[in-house]
Amino acid sequence: GVEESGLESVKLYPNPANDKIWMEGLEGEHEISIYNAMGIKVESVIKQNDFELSIDGLTAGLYLISIDGRHTMRFIKK
């Protein structure tokens, strides 16, 4: 069978972003990891439900955000 992660409805915005990103559609506690374009983890936090995350410390570029290591989304930091 196919395992459903329940993360298909998660929204990440704005994209591209300046200093903050928001994630909607999460329930419960999740490990959120951000990776740069080289695949290096630059941040990891535990968040609950919908949240905002400061990205003002990141340099401009393409990033991947991983939710519990199972679901990955892309965003651009301006």
N, C-alpha and C. Protein backbone atom coordinates (compact mmCIF):
# COMPACT_ATOMS: atom_id res chain seq x y z
N GLY A 1 0.81 -1.18 0.00
CA GLY A 1 0.00 0.00 0.00
C GLY A 1 0.86 1.25 0.00
N VAL A 2 0.23 2.36 -0.22
CA VAL A 2 0.90 3.66 -0.22
C VAL A 2 0.62 4.35 1.10
N GLU A 3 1.68 4.81 1.76
CA GLU A 3 1.51 5.51 3.03
C GLU A 3 1.21 6.99 2.76
N GLU A 4 0.15 7.49 3.32
CA GLU A 4 -0.22 8.90 3.17
C GLU A 4 0.42 9.69 4.29
N SER A 5 1.16 10.75 3.93
CA SER A 5 1.83 11.54 4.96
C SER A 5 0.95 12.64 5.52
N GLY A 6 -0.11 13.03 4.78
CA GLY A 6 -0.97 14.11 5.23
C GLY A 6 -0.35 15.48 5.04
N LEU A 7 0.78 15.56 4.34
CA LEU A 7 1.50 16.82 4.19
C LEU A 7 1.30 17.43 2.80
N GLU A 8 0.49 16.82 1.97
CA GLU A 8 0.29 17.31 0.61
C GLU A 8 -0.39 18.67 0.57
N SER A 9 -1.14 19.01 1.61
CA SER A 9 -1.88 20.28 1.62
C SER A 9 -1.12 21.41 2.31
N VAL A 10 0.13 21.19 2.69
CA VAL A 10 0.92 22.22 3.36
C VAL A 10 1.25 23.33 2.36
N LYS A 11 1.07 24.58 2.79
CA LYS A 11 1.37 25.75 1.97
C LYS A 11 2.53 26.51 2.57
N LEU A 12 3.45 26.96 1.72
CA LEU A 12 4.60 27.76 2.12
C LEU A 12 4.51 29.06 1.34
N TYR A 13 4.55 30.18 2.04
CA TYR A 13 4.44 31.47 1.36
C TYR A 13 5.08 32.56 2.21
N PRO A 14 5.45 33.71 1.68
CA PRO A 14 5.50 34.02 0.25
C PRO A 14 6.69 33.31 -0.39
N ASN A 15 6.68 33.19 -1.66
CA ASN A 15 7.78 32.56 -2.38
C ASN A 15 7.92 33.21 -3.74
N PRO A 16 8.94 34.04 -3.94
CA PRO A 16 10.12 34.27 -3.09
C PRO A 16 9.80 35.09 -1.85
N ALA A 17 10.69 34.98 -0.85
CA ALA A 17 10.49 35.63 0.44
C ALA A 17 11.67 36.54 0.78
N ASN A 18 11.39 37.52 1.64
CA ASN A 18 12.44 38.43 2.09
C ASN A 18 13.03 38.02 3.43
N ASP A 19 12.23 38.11 4.49
CA ASP A 19 12.77 37.85 5.82
C ASP A 19 11.99 36.82 6.62
N LYS A 20 10.79 36.45 6.18
CA LYS A 20 9.97 35.45 6.89
C LYS A 20 9.22 34.59 5.88
N ILE A 21 9.00 33.34 6.28
CA ILE A 21 8.11 32.47 5.52
C ILE A 21 7.05 31.95 6.49
N TRP A 22 5.90 31.65 5.97
CA TRP A 22 4.82 31.07 6.75
C TRP A 22 4.49 29.71 6.18
N MET A 23 4.13 28.79 7.07
CA MET A 23 3.68 27.47 6.65
C MET A 23 2.31 27.24 7.25
N GLU A 24 1.39 26.79 6.42
CA GLU A 24 0.02 26.47 6.82
C GLU A 24 -0.30 25.03 6.46
N GLY A 25 -1.20 24.44 7.22
CA GLY A 25 -1.68 23.10 6.92
C GLY A 25 -1.03 22.02 7.76
N LEU A 26 -0.21 22.42 8.72
CA LEU A 26 0.44 21.44 9.60
C LEU A 26 -0.36 21.29 10.89
N GLU A 27 -0.42 20.07 11.38
CA GLU A 27 -1.04 19.80 12.68
C GLU A 27 -0.06 19.02 13.52
N GLY A 28 0.07 19.40 14.76
CA GLY A 28 0.99 18.72 15.67
C GLY A 28 2.41 19.22 15.53
N GLU A 29 3.34 18.48 16.13
CA GLU A 29 4.74 18.88 16.18
C GLU A 29 5.51 18.29 14.99
N HIS A 30 6.37 19.11 14.38
CA HIS A 30 7.15 18.67 13.22
C HIS A 30 8.56 19.21 13.28
N GLU A 31 9.51 18.42 12.77
CA GLU A 31 10.88 18.90 12.62
C GLU A 31 11.00 19.56 11.25
N ILE A 32 11.39 20.82 11.25
CA ILE A 32 11.54 21.60 10.04
C ILE A 32 13.03 21.85 9.81
N SER A 33 13.55 21.38 8.68
CA SER A 33 14.96 21.57 8.36
C SER A 33 15.07 22.34 7.06
N ILE A 34 16.02 23.28 7.02
CA ILE A 34 16.26 24.08 5.81
C ILE A 34 17.64 23.72 5.29
N TYR A 35 17.71 23.44 3.98
CA TYR A 35 18.95 23.08 3.31
C TYR A 35 19.24 24.10 2.21
N ASN A 36 20.52 24.45 2.03
CA ASN A 36 20.87 25.34 0.94
C ASN A 36 20.94 24.54 -0.37
N ALA A 37 21.25 25.20 -1.46
CA ALA A 37 21.27 24.55 -2.78
C ALA A 37 22.35 23.48 -2.88
N MET A 38 23.33 23.52 -2.01
CA MET A 38 24.40 22.51 -1.99
C MET A 38 24.01 21.28 -1.16
N GLY A 39 22.84 21.33 -0.53
CA GLY A 39 22.38 20.21 0.29
C GLY A 39 22.87 20.25 1.72
N ILE A 40 23.41 21.37 2.16
CA ILE A 40 23.91 21.52 3.52
C ILE A 40 22.80 22.07 4.41
N LYS A 41 22.57 21.39 5.54
CA LYS A 41 21.55 21.86 6.48
C LYS A 41 21.99 23.16 7.11
N VAL A 42 21.16 24.20 6.99
CA VAL A 42 21.52 25.51 7.54
C VAL A 42 20.67 25.87 8.76
N GLU A 43 19.58 25.15 8.97
CA GLU A 43 18.74 25.42 10.14
C GLU A 43 17.83 24.22 10.39
N SER A 44 17.54 23.96 11.65
CA SER A 44 16.61 22.90 12.02
C SER A 44 15.88 23.33 13.29
N VAL A 45 14.56 23.28 13.26
CA VAL A 45 13.74 23.68 14.39
C VAL A 45 12.57 22.72 14.55
N ILE A 46 12.00 22.71 15.72
CA ILE A 46 10.76 21.97 15.97
C ILE A 46 9.65 23.01 16.06
N LYS A 47 8.60 22.82 15.27
CA LYS A 47 7.48 23.76 15.25
C LYS A 47 6.18 22.98 15.40
N GLN A 48 5.14 23.69 15.84
CA GLN A 48 3.83 23.10 15.98
C GLN A 48 2.82 23.85 15.14
N ASN A 49 1.93 23.09 14.50
CA ASN A 49 0.82 23.64 13.73
C ASN A 49 1.32 24.66 12.70
N ASP A 50 0.49 25.63 12.35
CA ASP A 50 0.89 26.67 11.41
C ASP A 50 1.90 27.59 12.12
N PHE A 51 2.88 28.11 11.38
CA PHE A 51 3.90 28.94 12.01
C PHE A 51 4.55 29.87 11.00
N GLU A 52 5.28 30.85 11.55
CA GLU A 52 6.14 31.71 10.73
C GLU A 52 7.57 31.43 11.15
N LEU A 53 8.47 31.55 10.20
CA LEU A 53 9.87 31.25 10.44
C LEU A 53 10.72 32.38 9.87
N SER A 54 11.58 32.93 10.70
CA SER A 54 12.47 34.00 10.25
C SER A 54 13.58 33.41 9.39
N ILE A 55 13.77 34.01 8.20
CA ILE A 55 14.85 33.59 7.32
C ILE A 55 15.79 34.75 7.02
N ASP A 56 15.73 35.79 7.84
CA ASP A 56 16.55 36.98 7.57
C ASP A 56 18.04 36.70 7.69
N GLY A 57 18.44 35.64 8.37
CA GLY A 57 19.85 35.29 8.49
C GLY A 57 20.39 34.51 7.30
N LEU A 58 19.52 34.11 6.38
CA LEU A 58 19.96 33.35 5.20
C LEU A 58 20.38 34.31 4.09
N THR A 59 21.36 33.90 3.30
CA THR A 59 21.75 34.68 2.13
C THR A 59 20.76 34.41 1.00
N ALA A 60 20.72 35.30 0.03
CA ALA A 60 19.81 35.14 -1.09
C ALA A 60 20.13 33.85 -1.84
N GLY A 61 19.08 33.15 -2.30
CA GLY A 61 19.29 31.93 -3.07
C GLY A 61 18.14 30.96 -2.94
N LEU A 62 18.34 29.77 -3.48
CA LEU A 62 17.35 28.69 -3.47
C LEU A 62 17.58 27.82 -2.24
N TYR A 63 16.48 27.46 -1.56
CA TYR A 63 16.55 26.61 -0.38
C TYR A 63 15.50 25.51 -0.47
N LEU A 64 15.76 24.41 0.21
CA LEU A 64 14.79 23.33 0.37
C LEU A 64 14.39 23.30 1.83
N ILE A 65 13.11 23.12 2.07
CA ILE A 65 12.62 23.00 3.44
C ILE A 65 12.00 21.61 3.58
N SER A 66 12.46 20.87 4.57
CA SER A 66 12.03 19.49 4.77
C SER A 66 11.17 19.41 6.03
N ILE A 67 10.06 18.72 5.92
CA ILE A 67 9.16 18.51 7.05
C ILE A 67 9.30 17.05 7.48
N ASP A 68 9.85 16.84 8.67
CA ASP A 68 10.05 15.50 9.22
C ASP A 68 10.86 14.59 8.31
N GLY A 69 11.64 15.16 7.41
CA GLY A 69 12.46 14.35 6.50
C GLY A 69 11.65 13.58 5.47
N ARG A 70 10.33 13.87 5.37
CA ARG A 70 9.47 13.11 4.45
C ARG A 70 8.93 13.94 3.31
N HIS A 71 8.80 15.22 3.52
CA HIS A 71 8.15 16.09 2.52
C HIS A 71 9.04 17.30 2.32
N THR A 72 9.38 17.60 1.07
CA THR A 72 10.30 18.69 0.77
C THR A 72 9.64 19.71 -0.14
N MET A 73 9.87 20.99 0.16
CA MET A 73 9.38 22.08 -0.65
C MET A 73 10.55 23.02 -0.95
N ARG A 74 10.43 23.79 -2.02
CA ARG A 74 11.47 24.76 -2.37
C ARG A 74 10.99 26.17 -2.11
N PHE A 75 11.94 27.05 -1.76
CA PHE A 75 11.63 28.47 -1.69
C PHE A 75 12.87 29.27 -2.04
N ILE A 76 12.64 30.50 -2.44
CA ILE A 76 13.72 31.40 -2.80
C ILE A 76 13.77 32.54 -1.79
N LYS A 77 14.98 32.78 -1.28
CA LYS A 77 15.21 33.93 -0.40
C LYS A 77 15.74 35.05 -1.27
N LYS A 78 15.04 36.20 -1.25
CA LYS A 78 15.47 37.36 -2.05
C LYS A 78 16.61 38.09 -1.38
